[in-house]
Protein backbone atom coordinates (compact mmCIF):
# COMPACT_ATOMS: atom_id res chain seq x y z
CA UNK A 1 198.34 42.61 223.55
CA UNK A 2 197.52 40.96 226.99
CA UNK A 3 194.39 39.04 227.60
CA UNK A 4 192.39 41.94 229.23
CA UNK A 5 193.26 44.54 226.46
CA UNK A 6 192.39 42.02 223.57
CA UNK A 7 188.95 41.16 225.14
CA UNK A 8 188.12 44.68 225.52
CA UNK A 9 189.20 45.61 222.10
CA UNK A 10 186.99 42.67 220.80
CA UNK A 11 183.93 43.92 222.86
CA UNK A 12 184.45 47.51 221.67
CA UNK A 13 184.71 46.01 217.89
CA UNK A 14 188.28 47.52 217.58
CA UNK A 15 190.11 44.49 216.59
CA UNK A 16 191.98 44.19 213.23
CA UNK A 17 190.57 41.91 210.87
CA UNK A 18 192.80 38.80 211.61
CA UNK A 19 191.86 38.79 215.11
CA UNK A 20 188.28 39.24 214.51
CA UNK A 21 188.39 36.43 212.32
CA UNK A 22 189.97 34.28 215.09
CA UNK A 23 187.10 35.28 217.45
CA UNK A 24 184.32 34.62 214.98
CA UNK A 25 185.70 31.25 214.44
CA UNK A 26 186.03 30.29 218.03
CA UNK A 27 182.15 31.65 218.65
CA UNK A 28 181.32 29.11 215.61
CA UNK A 29 183.18 26.39 217.32
CA UNK A 30 181.47 27.34 220.72
CA UNK A 31 184.75 28.22 222.58
CA UNK A 32 184.43 31.90 222.69
CA UNK A 33 183.52 31.87 226.26
CA UNK A 34 186.55 29.96 227.22
CA UNK A 35 188.72 32.45 225.25
CA UNK A 36 187.33 35.37 226.81
CA UNK A 37 187.30 33.88 230.20
CA UNK A 38 190.98 32.36 230.17
CA UNK A 39 192.62 33.48 227.23
CA UNK A 40 193.74 31.89 223.87
CA UNK A 41 195.98 29.63 226.31
CA UNK A 42 192.88 28.14 227.96
CA UNK A 43 192.33 26.29 224.55
CA UNK A 44 193.44 22.74 224.13
CA UNK A 45 195.90 21.69 221.43
CA UNK A 46 193.22 20.49 219.37
CA UNK A 47 191.04 23.49 219.62
CA UNK A 48 193.62 25.88 218.60
CA UNK A 49 194.75 23.62 215.73
CA UNK A 50 191.23 23.60 214.48
CA UNK A 51 190.79 27.54 214.82
CA UNK A 52 194.28 27.90 213.12
CA UNK A 53 193.31 25.27 210.33
CA UNK A 54 189.81 27.27 209.76
CA UNK A 55 191.58 30.79 209.85
CA UNK A 56 193.80 29.35 207.01
CA UNK A 57 191.03 28.14 205.02
CA UNK A 58 189.11 31.50 205.31
CA UNK A 59 192.05 33.39 204.51
CA UNK A 60 192.68 31.23 201.60
CA UNK A 61 188.78 31.74 200.46
CA UNK A 62 189.18 35.23 200.75
CA UNK A 63 192.15 35.64 198.31
CA UNK A 64 190.15 34.20 195.44
């Protein structure tokens, strides 16, 4: 999905649960505005890694 379509789907609350989780975590970390403006590629490796780690943790937590 390209950036514009993904942002539009996010704003309409039409994303799959996995994608919603990424956006929720980006918001918690304070980088959601950066993602909405420049897409996921605008994040640093550190920011991306932090989001990935938190997604994995929450996914594991939800399996219990």
